[in-house]
Structure formats: structure tokens, C-alpha cells
Protein backbone atom coordinates (compact mmCIF):
# COMPACT_ATOMS: atom_id res chain seq x y z
CA MET A 1 -0.79 1.50 -5.48
CA ILE A 2 0.02 -1.78 -4.22
CA THR A 3 0.93 -3.87 -6.69
CA ILE A 4 0.86 -7.80 -7.08
CA GLY A 5 2.73 -10.10 -8.85
CA ILE A 6 1.81 -13.53 -9.56
CA CYS A 7 4.76 -15.80 -10.52
CA ASP A 8 3.62 -19.66 -11.64
CA ASP A 9 4.48 -21.37 -14.84
CA ASP A 10 1.11 -23.22 -14.92
CA GLU A 11 -1.60 -20.19 -16.88
CA LEU A 12 -4.62 -22.51 -15.07
CA SER A 13 -2.84 -20.88 -11.43
CA ARG A 14 -2.64 -17.96 -12.91
CA GLU A 15 -5.55 -17.01 -13.71
CA VAL A 16 -7.19 -18.84 -10.21
CA LEU A 17 -4.89 -15.98 -8.68
CA LYS A 18 -6.16 -12.99 -10.39
CA GLU A 19 -9.45 -14.06 -9.49
CA PHE A 20 -8.28 -14.15 -6.16
CA CYS A 21 -6.70 -10.70 -6.01
CA GLN A 22 -9.98 -9.44 -7.38
CA ARG A 23 -12.15 -10.87 -5.22
CA TYR A 24 -10.33 -9.74 -1.77
CA PHE A 25 -9.54 -6.18 -3.38
CA GLY A 26 -12.50 -5.57 -5.24
CA LYS A 27 -13.04 -2.09 -7.11
CA ASP A 28 -12.91 0.12 -4.37
CA TYR A 29 -8.70 -0.77 -3.51
CA ASP A 30 -6.32 1.04 -6.06
CA PHE A 31 -3.62 -1.95 -6.52
CA CYS A 32 -2.50 -4.23 -9.90
CA THR A 33 -1.54 -7.71 -10.60
CA VAL A 34 1.21 -8.53 -12.82
CA THR A 35 2.30 -12.07 -14.07
CA TYR A 36 5.49 -13.69 -14.82
CA ARG A 37 6.14 -17.57 -16.46
CA SER A 38 9.24 -17.43 -14.94
CA ALA A 39 11.24 -16.48 -12.12
CA GLU A 40 13.72 -14.62 -14.55
CA ALA A 41 11.21 -12.98 -15.42
CA VAL A 42 10.45 -11.46 -12.36
CA LEU A 43 13.90 -9.90 -12.18
CA SER A 44 13.50 -8.05 -15.68
CA GLY A 45 11.77 -5.87 -14.34
CA THR A 46 10.18 -3.47 -11.81
CA LEU A 47 9.83 -5.48 -8.78
CA PRO A 48 5.79 -6.38 -7.37
CA ASP A 49 5.28 -5.38 -3.43
CA ILE A 50 3.57 -8.80 -2.66
CA LEU A 51 4.72 -12.44 -5.12
CA LEU A 52 2.70 -14.78 -4.93
CA LEU A 53 5.31 -17.45 -6.29
CA ASP A 54 5.38 -21.03 -7.17
CA ILE A 55 8.49 -23.19 -6.12
CA GLU A 56 8.44 -25.70 -9.27
CA MET A 57 9.12 -24.60 -12.79
CA GLU A 58 11.10 -24.89 -15.29
CA GLY A 59 14.64 -23.03 -15.28
CA MET A 60 14.91 -21.36 -11.60
CA SER A 61 13.09 -22.18 -8.72
CA GLY A 62 10.93 -20.23 -6.28
CA ILE A 63 13.48 -20.75 -3.36
CA GLU A 64 16.55 -19.57 -5.68
CA LEU A 65 14.28 -16.40 -6.95
CA LYS A 66 13.13 -16.02 -3.09
CA ASP A 67 16.95 -15.73 -2.16
CA LEU A 68 17.86 -13.13 -5.28
CA LEU A 69 14.84 -11.00 -3.91
CA GLY A 70 16.82 -11.36 -0.50
CA GLU A 71 19.66 -9.26 -2.08
CA ARG A 72 17.31 -6.69 -3.39
CA GLU A 73 17.11 -2.82 -1.90
CA LYS A 74 13.33 -3.34 -2.12
CA ARG A 75 11.34 -5.65 0.43
CA VAL A 76 9.23 -7.65 -1.77
CA ARG A 77 6.50 -9.69 0.48
CA ILE A 78 6.17 -13.42 -0.35
CA CYS A 79 3.81 -16.59 -0.65
CA PHE A 80 4.69 -19.57 -2.20
CA ILE A 81 1.98 -21.30 -4.38
CA THR A 82 3.71 -25.42 -3.85
CA SER A 83 1.64 -28.66 -5.05
CA HIS A 84 3.84 -30.55 -2.57
CA SER A 85 4.02 -29.14 0.94
CA GLU A 86 6.74 -30.40 1.91
CA LEU A 87 9.04 -28.33 -0.77
CA ALA A 88 8.06 -24.95 1.19
CA VAL A 89 10.15 -25.51 4.44
CA GLU A 90 13.25 -25.35 2.08
CA GLY A 91 11.44 -21.43 1.14
CA TYR A 92 11.40 -19.76 4.76
CA GLY A 93 13.36 -16.78 5.49
CA ASP A 94 13.24 -12.42 5.63
CA GLY A 95 10.30 -11.69 4.15
CA VAL A 96 8.55 -15.31 3.61
CA PHE A 97 4.61 -15.20 4.69
CA GLY A 98 4.12 -19.06 4.55
CA PHE A 99 2.40 -21.37 2.05
CA LEU A 100 -0.29 -22.26 -0.52
CA VAL A 101 -1.36 -25.52 -1.23
CA LYS A 102 -2.64 -26.21 -4.65
CA PRO A 103 -5.59 -26.80 -5.85
CA LEU A 104 -5.63 -23.19 -4.40
CA GLU A 105 -8.63 -22.49 -1.42
CA TYR A 106 -9.82 -18.59 -1.35
CA GLU A 107 -9.62 -18.66 2.37
CA ARG A 108 -5.89 -19.57 2.81
CA PHE A 109 -5.13 -17.15 0.33
CA ALA A 110 -7.03 -13.84 2.13
CA VAL A 111 -5.43 -15.31 5.31
CA LYS A 112 -2.08 -15.04 3.71
CA MET A 113 -2.71 -11.65 1.63
CA LYS A 114 -4.24 -9.99 4.75
CA LEU A 115 -0.82 -10.32 6.70
CA MET A 116 1.12 -9.33 3.79
CA VAL A 117 -0.58 -6.29 3.02
CA ARG A 118 -0.55 -5.45 6.45
CA ASP A 119 3.29 -5.88 7.08
CA LEU A 120 3.52 -3.69 3.33
CA GLU A 121 1.18 -0.66 4.98
CA SER A 122 2.99 -0.06 8.04
CA ALA A 123 6.69 -0.39 6.54
CA ASN A 124 5.13 2.78 4.56
CA CYS A 125 3.69 4.48 8.11
CA TYR A 126 6.69 7.29 8.31
CA ILE A 127 7.67 10.59 6.47
CA VAL A 128 10.26 13.20 6.70
CA ILE A 129 9.36 16.38 7.41
CA GLU A 130 12.21 19.19 6.51
CA ARG A 131 12.04 21.68 8.65
CA LYS A 132 15.09 23.77 7.19
CA LYS A 133 17.70 23.06 5.44
CA GLY A 134 19.61 20.33 7.48
CA ASP A 135 16.97 20.08 10.36
CA SER A 136 14.80 17.45 9.61
CA ARG A 137 12.21 15.46 11.67
CA LYS A 138 10.82 11.86 11.16
CA VAL A 139 6.95 11.94 11.89
CA HIS A 140 4.17 8.47 12.28
CA LEU A 141 1.63 9.51 9.15
CA SER A 142 -0.97 8.88 12.24
CA ASP A 143 -0.07 11.68 13.56
CA VAL A 144 0.33 13.73 10.80
CA ILE A 145 -3.76 15.46 10.19
CA TYR A 146 -3.99 17.95 7.51
CA LEU A 147 -1.48 20.18 5.72
CA ARG A 148 -2.43 22.97 4.52
CA ALA A 149 -0.65 24.76 1.97
CA SER A 150 1.05 29.00 2.42
CA ASP A 151 2.71 30.32 -0.34
CA LYS A 152 5.07 27.84 -2.00
CA TYR A 153 5.06 25.10 1.53
CA VAL A 154 3.04 23.90 3.32
CA TYR A 155 2.26 23.39 7.42
CA LEU A 156 1.54 20.40 8.85
CA TYR A 157 -0.67 20.00 11.66
CA LEU A 158 0.12 17.04 13.78
CA THR A 159 -1.45 15.68 16.86
CA GLY A 160 -1.03 16.41 20.54
CA GLU A 161 0.95 20.30 19.15
CA THR A 162 -0.49 23.20 18.96
CA ALA A 163 1.64 24.28 16.36
CA PRO A 164 1.55 23.02 13.00
CA CYS A 165 4.97 22.26 11.71
CA PHE A 166 6.46 23.32 8.54
CA ASP A 167 8.04 21.86 5.42
CA GLY A 168 9.39 23.44 2.96
CA ARG A 169 8.23 21.82 -0.12
CA GLY A 170 4.93 22.36 -1.68
CA ILE A 171 1.24 21.41 -1.98
CA GLY A 172 2.51 19.31 -5.56
CA PHE A 173 4.94 16.73 -3.98
CA TRP A 174 3.04 15.76 -0.75
CA THR A 175 -0.03 15.07 -3.11
CA GLU A 176 2.29 12.56 -4.78
CA GLU A 177 4.32 11.62 -2.21
CA LEU A 178 1.06 10.88 0.11
CA ALA A 179 -1.43 9.88 -2.61
CA ASP A 180 -1.24 6.34 -1.66
CA LYS A 181 -1.28 6.03 1.63
CA GLY A 182 -4.74 7.69 2.76
CA PHE A 183 -4.78 10.82 1.96
CA ALA A 184 -6.84 13.30 -0.45
CA LEU A 185 -6.85 16.67 -1.51
CA CYS A 186 -10.70 18.18 0.23
CA HIS A 187 -9.35 21.89 -1.98
CA ARG A 188 -6.27 22.60 -3.74
CA SER A 189 -4.76 23.70 -0.97
CA CYS A 190 -5.57 21.59 1.56
CA LEU A 191 -4.29 17.81 2.39
CA VAL A 192 -6.48 15.51 4.58
CA ASN A 193 -5.91 12.27 6.27
CA LEU A 194 -8.69 10.47 5.72
CA ALA A 195 -7.90 7.96 8.92
CA TRP A 196 -8.58 11.31 10.53
CA VAL A 197 -11.86 12.48 8.81
CA SER A 198 -15.62 11.29 10.51
CA GLY A 199 -17.89 12.55 7.99
CA ILE A 200 -18.54 15.09 4.99
CA GLU A 201 -21.44 17.49 5.05
CA GLY A 202 -22.39 19.39 2.36
CA ASN A 203 -19.66 21.85 1.94
CA ARG A 204 -17.05 20.83 4.97
CA VAL A 205 -15.00 17.76 5.36
CA ARG A 206 -15.63 17.25 9.34
CA LEU A 207 -12.45 15.49 11.17
CA LEU A 208 -12.55 13.55 14.89
CA ASN A 209 -10.76 15.64 16.24
CA GLY A 210 -13.95 18.61 16.03
CA GLU A 211 -11.72 20.66 13.73
CA GLU A 212 -14.24 21.02 10.24
CA LEU A 213 -12.20 22.52 6.67
CA PRO A 214 -13.91 23.67 3.98
CA ILE A 215 -14.16 21.20 0.20
CA SER A 216 -14.18 22.37 -3.16
CA ARG A 217 -16.71 21.47 -5.89
CA ARG A 218 -13.78 20.55 -8.06
CA ALA A 219 -12.09 18.09 -5.34
CA ARG A 220 -15.92 16.38 -4.06
CA LYS A 221 -15.86 13.67 -6.32
CA ASP A 222 -12.59 12.78 -5.79
CA PHE A 223 -12.01 12.86 -2.17
CA GLN A 224 -15.38 11.39 -1.83
CA GLU A 225 -14.50 8.16 -3.88
CA ARG A 226 -10.86 7.70 -1.84
CA TYR A 227 -13.16 8.12 1.43
CA SER A 228 -14.91 5.62 0.26
CA ARG A 229 -12.31 3.52 -0.03
CA HIS A 230 -10.08 4.45 3.15
CA LEU A 231 -13.66 2.99 4.43
CA PHE A 232 -13.66 -0.10 2.52
CA ARG A 233 -9.85 -1.26 3.51
CA ASN A 234 -10.60 -0.76 7.15
CA ALA A 235 -13.69 -3.10 7.14
CA LYS A 236 -11.30 -5.78 5.64
CA ARG A 237 -8.74 -5.92 8.90
């Protein structure tokens, strides 16, 4: 799930930005919005992935908050909100994707949001496979076709490799780890990269490499919903 923070001491601006987020992501995208009335409030809880940040507020300014966030371990992608575009020049730096000028326009908002979402997704595109103690391997998510459970372990089927790669953790671990990264269970022992799905026919999931995997009755509804959201997100890119 992507968390969008909206920090503005003006209630109307917060509501407009919430509506823009709903319009951009729609019902089929896994996201949530969190609103803040002050910069200090942002620092008091879990940091969002993306922050729509007003520059001029009572107390700490948006630019001051940006500098403090730069010291945190988590990288927050920021788009400034301002009534005076000349002020936004001071706010540029790592993690800043520009600014929006009030009165806010949806088309400009959508351009900035698209850039931030792409950057967020690209930062989460690798996993580390633990083949055995002290032996690990970094793999790009796009190279993972699917994972199949075997007892308490899993085998990962990767592009360009004839034999699957062993990992010492179970399917439950990987289901949670990859839940927001475009993977879904087609049955309890098989986790599929939705980017590799070409379609669903009857009780089978067809993959782009020609393989077919069974889909269980229990998993069908959730799998179809996740696949629909995946297609929706790709259509927005």
C-alpha cells in the first residue's frame, strides 16, 4: 500500500488534495491518505511514502520539515504546495519532485504524482533470496515469474534460468513480503508475479512464457481482483 501524506494548515486545500488522490488512484489502487495540519504532526508518527507539503504554515515551515526528513532513514518523496512559486525554489533537493501552485489544478497534480509513484515503485523492485546461511542473492522483481512452496521452503522460478532458485523461508513470508509488489496467490502454494500473467481461463492462469498454473476456488476472487488492479495501474503509466 502507498501512503500519501497531505500536510497543509488550510482545510480546503487538504480536501482538494484528498479528492485529487482519489481521482488519480481510483478504487482499484491500494493506497491511503493521511492528513496533517502542521509540519510537526508529520514527524510525530509513521512517515508516508509521498508527501504533499505546504511551504507556508504556522510553526515549522514545509522547507524546514523537508530538511529534517532528509535526515531520516526512510526516503519521503515530496511535492511542495504553495501560493507563491518563488518560495518553492528554496525547497529543492533530494526527494523533491517540484511544486504545485494554488489554486490547485488536477492535471498538474497528476503529472507530479506519476513521477513520485514511479520513483517509489522503482525503489522497491529488488528482493534478496537467502539460499542458505551466509549465501544470498539479489534479484530484480521483474525476473521472478512465480514462487512455489515445497514443505517449509519455496522455489523461485526466474527468467533465463532452467532450474528454480531455492529460498529457506516459507510461502507465508513471501506472500506478506510481496503483497504490495504485484504478486498474488493463485493457490495456497503458488505466488505469481502479475506482470507475467497473460490471462485467466477456467481454472488455469496463463503466463507470458507459455506456462499454465492452477487457480483454486478459494484464491480465485482475490487473484482476479489483484490482477484487475495490476492492469489498471499499468494503464495509468
